[in-house]
Amino acid sequence: MIAGGWWATALGGGLPTRFFVYAVSVALTAAGLVSYGIISFHLTSSGLVPLAMVPVSFATAMASGAVAALANDWLYDRIGPSVLLALPLLVAVVSPLALGEHLRWVLTGMLCWGFAADLQDSTIKALVVDLVPASRRATAYGVPQQGGRQHRGGLQHDPTGSATDGCIQPCRVG
């Protein structure tokens, strides 16, 4: 048991400091990635695609992530964690592209969303193995889950201006 008891253990006591730096960066990146629910709302409310095409657009974005997974994993095996440096750049372009007014930019943003979602869902987890001793990995995998991915979309702007007015407002590419 880690000094401090059960709570310290549950909250990541005994994990290396570099892991917490990593977990904070993962949480910030995850919070910055617009959720696909917001993208699909934008697609239909702006009239870019009919409602029936939203599942097809989601499948396309997920397929782009599956293709990116092959490249991400291959690169991770060869160059290591520096492959994750692409994640903040992908996250930064998703909102302006996917929430744009022109279908070609929106489609590009959806592909970038698929790439970023894949990096968050697979490659980020692979780095935990390199950062944390085997005896603490279960806790290490839970810390970013609580600090990041489950709250994705929580800092999004409500297009109706009602519930979350004053939160982050996505910019648009015209």
N, C-alpha and C. Protein backbone atom coordinates (compact mmCIF):
# COMPACT_ATOMS: atom_id res chain seq x y z
N MET A 1 0.86 -1.18 0.00
CA MET A 1 0.00 0.00 0.00
C MET A 1 0.90 1.24 0.00
N ILE A 2 0.51 2.24 -0.77
CA ILE A 2 1.24 3.50 -0.86
C ILE A 2 1.00 4.29 0.42
N ALA A 3 2.03 5.05 0.86
CA ALA A 3 1.87 5.89 2.04
C ALA A 3 0.72 6.85 1.81
N GLY A 4 -0.16 6.98 2.80
CA GLY A 4 -1.33 7.84 2.66
C GLY A 4 -2.61 7.04 2.54
N GLY A 5 -2.47 5.74 2.45
CA GLY A 5 -3.64 4.88 2.47
C GLY A 5 -4.30 4.68 1.12
N TRP A 6 -5.55 4.22 1.22
CA TRP A 6 -6.31 3.84 0.04
C TRP A 6 -6.54 5.00 -0.91
N TRP A 7 -6.90 6.19 -0.36
CA TRP A 7 -7.17 7.34 -1.22
C TRP A 7 -5.94 7.74 -2.01
N ALA A 8 -4.80 7.75 -1.39
CA ALA A 8 -3.56 8.12 -2.11
C ALA A 8 -3.29 7.13 -3.22
N THR A 9 -3.53 5.86 -2.94
CA THR A 9 -3.34 4.83 -3.96
C THR A 9 -4.32 5.03 -5.12
N ALA A 10 -5.57 5.27 -4.79
CA ALA A 10 -6.60 5.43 -5.82
C ALA A 10 -6.38 6.68 -6.66
N LEU A 11 -5.81 7.71 -6.08
CA LEU A 11 -5.59 8.96 -6.80
C LEU A 11 -4.22 9.02 -7.48
N GLY A 12 -3.52 7.92 -7.49
CA GLY A 12 -2.27 7.88 -8.23
C GLY A 12 -1.03 8.08 -7.40
N GLY A 13 -1.13 7.95 -6.09
CA GLY A 13 0.05 8.04 -5.26
C GLY A 13 1.06 6.98 -5.66
N GLY A 14 2.31 7.35 -5.73
CA GLY A 14 3.35 6.40 -6.10
C GLY A 14 3.62 6.33 -7.59
N LEU A 15 2.82 7.02 -8.39
CA LEU A 15 3.11 7.07 -9.83
C LEU A 15 4.19 8.10 -10.08
N PRO A 16 5.01 7.90 -11.10
CA PRO A 16 6.09 8.85 -11.37
C PRO A 16 5.56 10.24 -11.75
N THR A 17 6.31 11.27 -11.39
CA THR A 17 5.92 12.65 -11.70
C THR A 17 5.73 12.86 -13.19
N ARG A 18 6.58 12.26 -14.00
CA ARG A 18 6.45 12.44 -15.45
C ARG A 18 5.12 11.88 -15.97
N PHE A 19 4.58 10.90 -15.26
CA PHE A 19 3.26 10.40 -15.64
C PHE A 19 2.20 11.47 -15.44
N PHE A 20 2.26 12.21 -14.34
CA PHE A 20 1.25 13.24 -14.08
C PHE A 20 1.36 14.39 -15.08
N VAL A 21 2.56 14.74 -15.47
CA VAL A 21 2.74 15.75 -16.52
C VAL A 21 2.06 15.25 -17.80
N TYR A 22 2.30 14.00 -18.10
CA TYR A 22 1.69 13.35 -19.26
C TYR A 22 0.17 13.32 -19.13
N ALA A 23 -0.36 12.96 -17.97
CA ALA A 23 -1.81 12.87 -17.75
C ALA A 23 -2.47 14.23 -17.91
N VAL A 24 -1.83 15.28 -17.42
CA VAL A 24 -2.41 16.63 -17.58
C VAL A 24 -2.43 17.01 -19.05
N SER A 25 -1.38 16.72 -19.78
CA SER A 25 -1.38 17.06 -21.21
C SER A 25 -2.42 16.25 -21.97
N VAL A 26 -2.62 15.00 -21.58
CA VAL A 26 -3.66 14.17 -22.20
C VAL A 26 -5.04 14.77 -21.91
N ALA A 27 -5.27 15.18 -20.67
CA ALA A 27 -6.56 15.75 -20.29
C ALA A 27 -6.83 17.05 -21.05
N LEU A 28 -5.83 17.89 -21.18
CA LEU A 28 -6.02 19.15 -21.90
C LEU A 28 -6.29 18.91 -23.38
N THR A 29 -5.57 17.98 -23.95
CA THR A 29 -5.78 17.66 -25.36
C THR A 29 -7.16 17.05 -25.57
N ALA A 30 -7.56 16.16 -24.68
CA ALA A 30 -8.88 15.54 -24.81
C ALA A 30 -9.99 16.56 -24.64
N ALA A 31 -9.83 17.50 -23.72
CA ALA A 31 -10.84 18.53 -23.52
C ALA A 31 -10.95 19.44 -24.74
N GLY A 32 -9.86 19.59 -25.47
CA GLY A 32 -9.88 20.46 -26.65
C GLY A 32 -10.46 19.83 -27.89
N LEU A 33 -10.63 18.51 -27.89
CA LEU A 33 -11.16 17.85 -29.09
C LEU A 33 -12.67 17.88 -29.05
N VAL A 34 -13.25 18.55 -30.02
CA VAL A 34 -14.71 18.67 -30.10
C VAL A 34 -15.32 17.28 -30.24
N SER A 35 -16.43 17.05 -29.57
CA SER A 35 -17.06 15.73 -29.65
C SER A 35 -17.76 15.57 -30.99
N TYR A 36 -17.92 14.32 -31.39
CA TYR A 36 -18.58 14.09 -32.68
C TYR A 36 -20.06 14.45 -32.61
N GLY A 37 -20.63 14.44 -31.44
CA GLY A 37 -22.02 14.88 -31.29
C GLY A 37 -22.19 16.33 -31.73
N ILE A 38 -21.25 17.17 -31.37
CA ILE A 38 -21.31 18.57 -31.77
C ILE A 38 -21.08 18.70 -33.27
N ILE A 39 -20.15 17.91 -33.81
CA ILE A 39 -19.92 17.94 -35.26
C ILE A 39 -21.18 17.51 -35.99
N SER A 40 -21.81 16.44 -35.55
CA SER A 40 -23.01 15.96 -36.24
C SER A 40 -24.16 16.96 -36.11
N PHE A 41 -24.27 17.61 -34.96
CA PHE A 41 -25.28 18.66 -34.81
C PHE A 41 -25.03 19.77 -35.82
N HIS A 42 -23.78 20.16 -35.96
CA HIS A 42 -23.43 21.21 -36.92
C HIS A 42 -23.74 20.76 -38.36
N LEU A 43 -23.43 19.51 -38.67
CA LEU A 43 -23.69 19.00 -40.02
C LEU A 43 -25.16 19.12 -40.39
N THR A 44 -26.03 18.80 -39.46
CA THR A 44 -27.46 18.82 -39.77
C THR A 44 -28.08 20.21 -39.62
N SER A 45 -27.69 20.93 -38.58
CA SER A 45 -28.30 22.25 -38.36
C SER A 45 -27.89 23.26 -39.42
N SER A 46 -26.72 23.08 -39.99
CA SER A 46 -26.28 24.00 -41.05
C SER A 46 -26.72 23.53 -42.43
N GLY A 47 -27.34 22.36 -42.49
CA GLY A 47 -27.83 21.84 -43.76
C GLY A 47 -26.76 21.27 -44.67
N LEU A 48 -25.59 20.97 -44.10
CA LEU A 48 -24.50 20.41 -44.92
C LEU A 48 -24.78 18.98 -45.34
N VAL A 49 -25.40 18.21 -44.46
CA VAL A 49 -25.77 16.82 -44.79
C VAL A 49 -27.15 16.53 -44.21
N PRO A 50 -27.90 15.65 -44.87
CA PRO A 50 -29.17 15.25 -44.28
C PRO A 50 -28.94 14.37 -43.04
N LEU A 51 -29.90 14.36 -42.17
CA LEU A 51 -29.81 13.60 -40.92
C LEU A 51 -29.42 12.14 -41.15
N ALA A 52 -29.96 11.54 -42.19
CA ALA A 52 -29.68 10.12 -42.47
C ALA A 52 -28.21 9.87 -42.80
N MET A 53 -27.46 10.90 -43.18
CA MET A 53 -26.05 10.73 -43.52
C MET A 53 -25.10 10.88 -42.34
N VAL A 54 -25.61 11.30 -41.19
CA VAL A 54 -24.75 11.48 -40.02
C VAL A 54 -24.06 10.18 -39.62
N PRO A 55 -24.76 9.04 -39.54
CA PRO A 55 -24.06 7.79 -39.20
C PRO A 55 -23.01 7.41 -40.23
N VAL A 56 -23.28 7.71 -41.50
CA VAL A 56 -22.30 7.42 -42.55
C VAL A 56 -21.07 8.31 -42.37
N SER A 57 -21.29 9.57 -42.04
CA SER A 57 -20.15 10.47 -41.82
C SER A 57 -19.34 10.03 -40.61
N PHE A 58 -20.02 9.56 -39.56
CA PHE A 58 -19.32 9.06 -38.38
C PHE A 58 -18.49 7.82 -38.74
N ALA A 59 -19.08 6.92 -39.50
CA ALA A 59 -18.36 5.71 -39.92
C ALA A 59 -17.14 6.07 -40.75
N THR A 60 -17.26 7.08 -41.59
CA THR A 60 -16.13 7.53 -42.41
C THR A 60 -15.02 8.09 -41.53
N ALA A 61 -15.41 8.90 -40.55
CA ALA A 61 -14.40 9.46 -39.63
C ALA A 61 -13.71 8.35 -38.83
N MET A 62 -14.48 7.37 -38.38
CA MET A 62 -13.90 6.26 -37.63
C MET A 62 -13.00 5.40 -38.52
N ALA A 63 -13.39 5.24 -39.78
CA ALA A 63 -12.54 4.49 -40.72
C ALA A 63 -11.22 5.21 -40.94
N SER A 64 -11.26 6.54 -41.00
CA SER A 64 -10.00 7.28 -41.15
C SER A 64 -9.11 7.06 -39.94
N GLY A 65 -9.73 6.95 -38.75
CA GLY A 65 -8.96 6.65 -37.55
C GLY A 65 -8.36 5.26 -37.58
N ALA A 66 -9.10 4.31 -38.15
CA ALA A 66 -8.57 2.94 -38.25
C ALA A 66 -7.37 2.89 -39.18
N VAL A 67 -7.45 3.62 -40.27
CA VAL A 67 -6.31 3.67 -41.20
C VAL A 67 -5.13 4.37 -40.52
N ALA A 68 -5.43 5.47 -39.81
CA ALA A 68 -4.37 6.19 -39.10
C ALA A 68 -3.73 5.33 -38.02
N ALA A 69 -4.51 4.41 -37.43
CA ALA A 69 -3.98 3.54 -36.39
C ALA A 69 -2.80 2.72 -36.90
N LEU A 70 -2.91 2.25 -38.11
CA LEU A 70 -1.80 1.48 -38.68
C LEU A 70 -0.53 2.32 -38.75
N ALA A 71 -0.66 3.54 -39.24
CA ALA A 71 0.51 4.42 -39.34
C ALA A 71 1.00 4.84 -37.95
N ASN A 72 0.06 5.18 -37.05
CA ASN A 72 0.45 5.61 -35.70
C ASN A 72 1.23 4.51 -34.97
N ASP A 73 0.71 3.30 -35.02
CA ASP A 73 1.37 2.20 -34.31
C ASP A 73 2.73 1.88 -34.91
N TRP A 74 2.81 1.92 -36.23
CA TRP A 74 4.09 1.66 -36.90
C TRP A 74 5.10 2.74 -36.51
N LEU A 75 4.67 4.00 -36.53
CA LEU A 75 5.57 5.09 -36.16
C LEU A 75 5.96 5.03 -34.69
N TYR A 76 5.00 4.69 -33.82
CA TYR A 76 5.31 4.60 -32.39
C TYR A 76 6.38 3.55 -32.15
N ASP A 77 6.30 2.42 -32.84
CA ASP A 77 7.29 1.37 -32.68
C ASP A 77 8.67 1.80 -33.15
N ARG A 78 8.74 2.74 -34.07
CA ARG A 78 10.02 3.16 -34.63
C ARG A 78 10.60 4.42 -34.01
N ILE A 79 9.74 5.41 -33.74
CA ILE A 79 10.27 6.67 -33.22
C ILE A 79 9.83 6.97 -31.79
N GLY A 80 8.93 6.16 -31.25
CA GLY A 80 8.54 6.32 -29.86
C GLY A 80 7.48 7.39 -29.64
N PRO A 81 7.45 7.93 -28.43
CA PRO A 81 6.38 8.84 -28.03
C PRO A 81 6.31 10.14 -28.82
N SER A 82 7.35 10.50 -29.53
CA SER A 82 7.30 11.76 -30.28
C SER A 82 6.21 11.75 -31.35
N VAL A 83 5.68 10.57 -31.69
CA VAL A 83 4.56 10.52 -32.63
C VAL A 83 3.35 11.26 -32.06
N LEU A 84 3.27 11.37 -30.74
CA LEU A 84 2.15 12.05 -30.10
C LEU A 84 2.21 13.57 -30.25
N LEU A 85 3.31 14.10 -30.74
CA LEU A 85 3.40 15.55 -30.94
C LEU A 85 2.42 16.02 -32.00
N ALA A 86 1.94 15.12 -32.83
CA ALA A 86 0.95 15.50 -33.84
C ALA A 86 -0.42 15.73 -33.23
N LEU A 87 -0.68 15.18 -32.06
CA LEU A 87 -2.02 15.26 -31.46
C LEU A 87 -2.49 16.69 -31.19
N PRO A 88 -1.71 17.54 -30.53
CA PRO A 88 -2.20 18.91 -30.31
C PRO A 88 -2.47 19.65 -31.62
N LEU A 89 -1.68 19.38 -32.63
CA LEU A 89 -1.91 20.02 -33.93
C LEU A 89 -3.21 19.54 -34.55
N LEU A 90 -3.46 18.24 -34.49
CA LEU A 90 -4.73 17.70 -35.02
C LEU A 90 -5.91 18.27 -34.26
N VAL A 91 -5.82 18.29 -32.94
CA VAL A 91 -6.92 18.81 -32.12
C VAL A 91 -7.17 20.29 -32.45
N ALA A 92 -6.10 21.04 -32.68
CA ALA A 92 -6.24 22.47 -32.97
C ALA A 92 -6.96 22.73 -34.29
N VAL A 93 -6.84 21.85 -35.26
CA VAL A 93 -7.48 22.10 -36.55
C VAL A 93 -8.87 21.49 -36.66
N VAL A 94 -9.22 20.57 -35.78
CA VAL A 94 -10.52 19.89 -35.91
C VAL A 94 -11.69 20.87 -35.81
N SER A 95 -11.75 21.68 -34.76
CA SER A 95 -12.90 22.57 -34.59
C SER A 95 -13.06 23.58 -35.72
N PRO A 96 -12.00 24.30 -36.10
CA PRO A 96 -12.19 25.26 -37.18
C PRO A 96 -12.59 24.60 -38.51
N LEU A 97 -12.10 23.41 -38.74
CA LEU A 97 -12.45 22.73 -39.99
C LEU A 97 -13.81 22.07 -39.91
N ALA A 98 -14.02 21.24 -38.90
CA ALA A 98 -15.26 20.46 -38.82
C ALA A 98 -16.49 21.31 -38.55
N LEU A 99 -16.30 22.49 -38.01
CA LEU A 99 -17.44 23.36 -37.72
C LEU A 99 -17.52 24.52 -38.72
N GLY A 100 -16.90 24.30 -39.87
CA GLY A 100 -16.91 25.31 -40.93
C GLY A 100 -18.21 25.32 -41.71
N GLU A 101 -18.24 26.17 -42.71
CA GLU A 101 -19.46 26.34 -43.50
C GLU A 101 -19.40 25.65 -44.86
N HIS A 102 -18.24 25.17 -45.24
CA HIS A 102 -18.08 24.53 -46.55
C HIS A 102 -17.83 23.04 -46.34
N LEU A 103 -18.56 22.23 -47.08
CA LEU A 103 -18.52 20.78 -46.88
C LEU A 103 -17.12 20.21 -47.03
N ARG A 104 -16.31 20.71 -47.95
CA ARG A 104 -14.96 20.15 -48.13
C ARG A 104 -14.11 20.35 -46.88
N TRP A 105 -14.26 21.51 -46.21
CA TRP A 105 -13.49 21.74 -44.98
C TRP A 105 -14.03 20.89 -43.84
N VAL A 106 -15.34 20.76 -43.81
CA VAL A 106 -15.96 19.94 -42.76
C VAL A 106 -15.51 18.49 -42.89
N LEU A 107 -15.48 17.98 -44.12
CA LEU A 107 -15.03 16.59 -44.33
C LEU A 107 -13.57 16.43 -43.93
N THR A 108 -12.75 17.41 -44.26
CA THR A 108 -11.34 17.38 -43.84
C THR A 108 -11.23 17.38 -42.31
N GLY A 109 -12.05 18.20 -41.67
CA GLY A 109 -12.06 18.23 -40.20
C GLY A 109 -12.50 16.91 -39.60
N MET A 110 -13.45 16.24 -40.25
CA MET A 110 -13.90 14.94 -39.75
C MET A 110 -12.79 13.90 -39.87
N LEU A 111 -12.03 13.95 -40.95
CA LEU A 111 -10.89 13.03 -41.08
C LEU A 111 -9.85 13.30 -40.00
N CYS A 112 -9.57 14.58 -39.77
CA CYS A 112 -8.63 14.94 -38.69
C CYS A 112 -9.16 14.49 -37.34
N TRP A 113 -10.49 14.59 -37.14
CA TRP A 113 -11.10 14.12 -35.90
C TRP A 113 -10.85 12.62 -35.73
N GLY A 114 -11.01 11.86 -36.80
CA GLY A 114 -10.77 10.42 -36.74
C GLY A 114 -9.33 10.11 -36.38
N PHE A 115 -8.38 10.85 -36.98
CA PHE A 115 -6.97 10.65 -36.65
C PHE A 115 -6.71 10.96 -35.18
N ALA A 116 -7.24 12.12 -34.72
CA ALA A 116 -7.00 12.54 -33.33
C ALA A 116 -7.65 11.57 -32.34
N ALA A 117 -8.85 11.12 -32.65
CA ALA A 117 -9.53 10.17 -31.77
C ALA A 117 -8.74 8.88 -31.66
N ASP A 118 -8.16 8.44 -32.78
CA ASP A 118 -7.34 7.23 -32.74
C ASP A 118 -6.10 7.43 -31.87
N LEU A 119 -5.43 8.55 -32.04
CA LEU A 119 -4.25 8.82 -31.21
C LEU A 119 -4.62 8.80 -29.73
N GLN A 120 -5.76 9.40 -29.40
CA GLN A 120 -6.18 9.43 -28.01
C GLN A 120 -6.59 8.05 -27.50
N ASP A 121 -7.19 7.26 -28.35
CA ASP A 121 -7.71 5.98 -27.88
C ASP A 121 -6.69 4.85 -27.87
N SER A 122 -5.63 4.97 -28.63
CA SER A 122 -4.69 3.84 -28.67
C SER A 122 -3.26 4.24 -28.33
N THR A 123 -2.70 5.17 -29.06
CA THR A 123 -1.28 5.48 -28.91
C THR A 123 -0.99 6.07 -27.54
N ILE A 124 -1.88 6.89 -27.04
CA ILE A 124 -1.69 7.47 -25.71
C ILE A 124 -1.58 6.38 -24.65
N LYS A 125 -2.39 5.35 -24.79
CA LYS A 125 -2.36 4.24 -23.82
C LYS A 125 -1.07 3.44 -23.91
N ALA A 126 -0.50 3.38 -25.09
CA ALA A 126 0.75 2.63 -25.25
C ALA A 126 1.88 3.28 -24.47
N LEU A 127 1.86 4.60 -24.36
CA LEU A 127 2.93 5.30 -23.65
C LEU A 127 2.91 5.02 -22.15
N VAL A 128 1.74 4.71 -21.61
CA VAL A 128 1.65 4.41 -20.17
C VAL A 128 2.57 3.25 -19.81
N VAL A 129 2.69 2.27 -20.69
CA VAL A 129 3.57 1.12 -20.45
C VAL A 129 5.01 1.57 -20.26
N ASP A 130 5.42 2.60 -21.01
CA ASP A 130 6.79 3.10 -20.91
C ASP A 130 7.00 4.00 -19.70
N LEU A 131 5.93 4.57 -19.17
CA LEU A 131 6.07 5.55 -18.09
C LEU A 131 5.89 4.98 -16.69
N VAL A 132 5.14 3.89 -16.56
CA VAL A 132 4.69 3.43 -15.25
C VAL A 132 5.11 1.98 -15.01
N PRO A 133 5.57 1.66 -13.80
CA PRO A 133 5.90 0.27 -13.50
C PRO A 133 4.65 -0.62 -13.60
N ALA A 134 4.85 -1.86 -13.94
CA ALA A 134 3.75 -2.81 -14.15
C ALA A 134 2.80 -2.88 -12.97
N SER A 135 3.32 -2.77 -11.76
CA SER A 135 2.47 -2.90 -10.57
C SER A 135 1.50 -1.73 -10.39
N ARG A 136 1.70 -0.62 -11.10
CA ARG A 136 0.84 0.57 -10.94
C ARG A 136 0.07 0.92 -12.22
N ARG A 137 0.14 0.08 -13.25
CA ARG A 137 -0.48 0.41 -14.53
C ARG A 137 -1.99 0.50 -14.47
N ALA A 138 -2.64 -0.32 -13.69
CA ALA A 138 -4.11 -0.26 -13.61
C ALA A 138 -4.55 1.12 -13.14
N THR A 139 -3.90 1.63 -12.11
CA THR A 139 -4.21 2.97 -11.63
C THR A 139 -3.84 4.00 -12.68
N ALA A 140 -2.71 3.82 -13.32
CA ALA A 140 -2.26 4.78 -14.33
C ALA A 140 -3.23 4.87 -15.50
N TYR A 141 -3.81 3.77 -15.89
CA TYR A 141 -4.78 3.82 -16.98
C TYR A 141 -6.06 4.52 -16.54
N GLY A 142 -6.41 4.44 -15.28
CA GLY A 142 -7.62 5.09 -14.80
C GLY A 142 -7.50 6.59 -14.62
N VAL A 143 -6.31 7.10 -14.31
CA VAL A 143 -6.13 8.53 -14.07
C VAL A 143 -6.46 9.36 -15.31
N PRO A 144 -5.91 9.07 -16.49
CA PRO A 144 -6.29 9.88 -17.66
C PRO A 144 -7.76 9.71 -18.04
N GLN A 145 -8.32 8.55 -17.80
CA GLN A 145 -9.74 8.35 -18.11
C GLN A 145 -10.59 9.32 -17.31
N GLN A 146 -10.29 9.48 -16.04
CA GLN A 146 -11.08 10.38 -15.21
C GLN A 146 -10.76 11.84 -15.51
N GLY A 147 -9.52 12.12 -15.89
CA GLY A 147 -9.12 13.50 -16.11
C GLY A 147 -9.33 14.01 -17.52
N GLY A 148 -9.67 13.16 -18.46
CA GLY A 148 -9.72 13.62 -19.83
C GLY A 148 -10.89 13.14 -20.64
N ARG A 149 -10.77 11.94 -21.19
CA ARG A 149 -11.70 11.49 -22.22
C ARG A 149 -13.17 11.50 -21.80
N GLN A 150 -13.48 11.19 -20.56
CA GLN A 150 -14.88 11.15 -20.17
C GLN A 150 -15.50 12.53 -20.15
N HIS A 151 -14.68 13.56 -20.13
CA HIS A 151 -15.19 14.92 -20.08
C HIS A 151 -15.06 15.62 -21.43
N ARG A 152 -14.68 14.90 -22.47
CA ARG A 152 -14.56 15.49 -23.80
C ARG A 152 -15.91 16.08 -24.19
N GLY A 153 -15.88 17.27 -24.69
CA GLY A 153 -17.11 17.93 -25.07
C GLY A 153 -17.71 18.76 -23.96
N GLY A 154 -17.18 18.67 -22.76
CA GLY A 154 -17.72 19.42 -21.64
C GLY A 154 -17.41 20.90 -21.70
N LEU A 155 -16.41 21.30 -22.46
CA LEU A 155 -16.05 22.70 -22.56
C LEU A 155 -16.44 23.27 -23.91
N GLN A 156 -17.48 22.76 -24.49
CA GLN A 156 -17.91 23.20 -25.80
C GLN A 156 -18.94 24.31 -25.68
N HIS A 157 -19.00 25.12 -26.69
CA HIS A 157 -19.98 26.20 -26.73
C HIS A 157 -21.32 25.66 -27.21
N ASP A 158 -22.37 26.01 -26.53
CA ASP A 158 -23.71 25.61 -26.93
C ASP A 158 -24.17 26.55 -28.03
N PRO A 159 -24.37 26.06 -29.26
CA PRO A 159 -24.73 26.93 -30.38
C PRO A 159 -26.03 27.69 -30.14
N THR A 160 -26.89 27.22 -29.25
CA THR A 160 -28.14 27.92 -28.99
C THR A 160 -27.93 29.09 -28.04
N GLY A 161 -26.75 29.14 -27.40
CA GLY A 161 -26.44 30.24 -26.50
C GLY A 161 -27.14 30.11 -25.16
N SER A 162 -27.67 28.95 -24.84
CA SER A 162 -28.44 28.83 -23.61
C SER A 162 -27.60 28.31 -22.45
N ALA A 163 -27.39 27.01 -22.42
CA ALA A 163 -26.84 26.36 -21.22
C ALA A 163 -25.38 26.69 -20.95
N THR A 164 -24.54 26.74 -21.95
CA THR A 164 -23.11 26.86 -21.70
C THR A 164 -22.54 28.14 -22.27
N ASP A 165 -23.35 29.18 -22.41
CA ASP A 165 -22.85 30.44 -22.96
C ASP A 165 -21.68 30.93 -22.11
N GLY A 166 -20.64 31.33 -22.74
CA GLY A 166 -19.46 31.78 -22.04
C GLY A 166 -18.34 30.74 -22.04
N CYS A 167 -18.63 29.52 -22.48
CA CYS A 167 -17.58 28.51 -22.60
C CYS A 167 -16.83 28.72 -23.91
N ILE A 168 -15.96 27.84 -24.22
CA ILE A 168 -15.14 27.95 -25.42
C ILE A 168 -16.03 27.99 -26.64
N GLN A 169 -15.82 28.97 -27.49
CA GLN A 169 -16.60 29.06 -28.72
C GLN A 169 -15.72 28.66 -29.88
N PRO A 170 -16.13 27.68 -30.66
CA PRO A 170 -15.31 27.25 -31.78
C PRO A 170 -15.24 28.32 -32.86
N CYS A 171 -14.08 28.42 -33.50
CA CYS A 171 -13.96 29.35 -34.61
C CYS A 171 -14.32 28.62 -35.91
N ARG A 172 -14.58 29.37 -36.93
CA ARG A 172 -15.03 28.77 -38.18
C ARG A 172 -14.06 29.10 -39.30
N VAL A 173 -13.92 28.18 -40.22
CA VAL A 173 -13.16 28.42 -41.44
C VAL A 173 -14.18 28.67 -42.53
N GLY A 174 -14.07 29.79 -43.19
CA GLY A 174 -15.08 30.18 -44.18
C GLY A 174 -14.80 29.60 -45.49
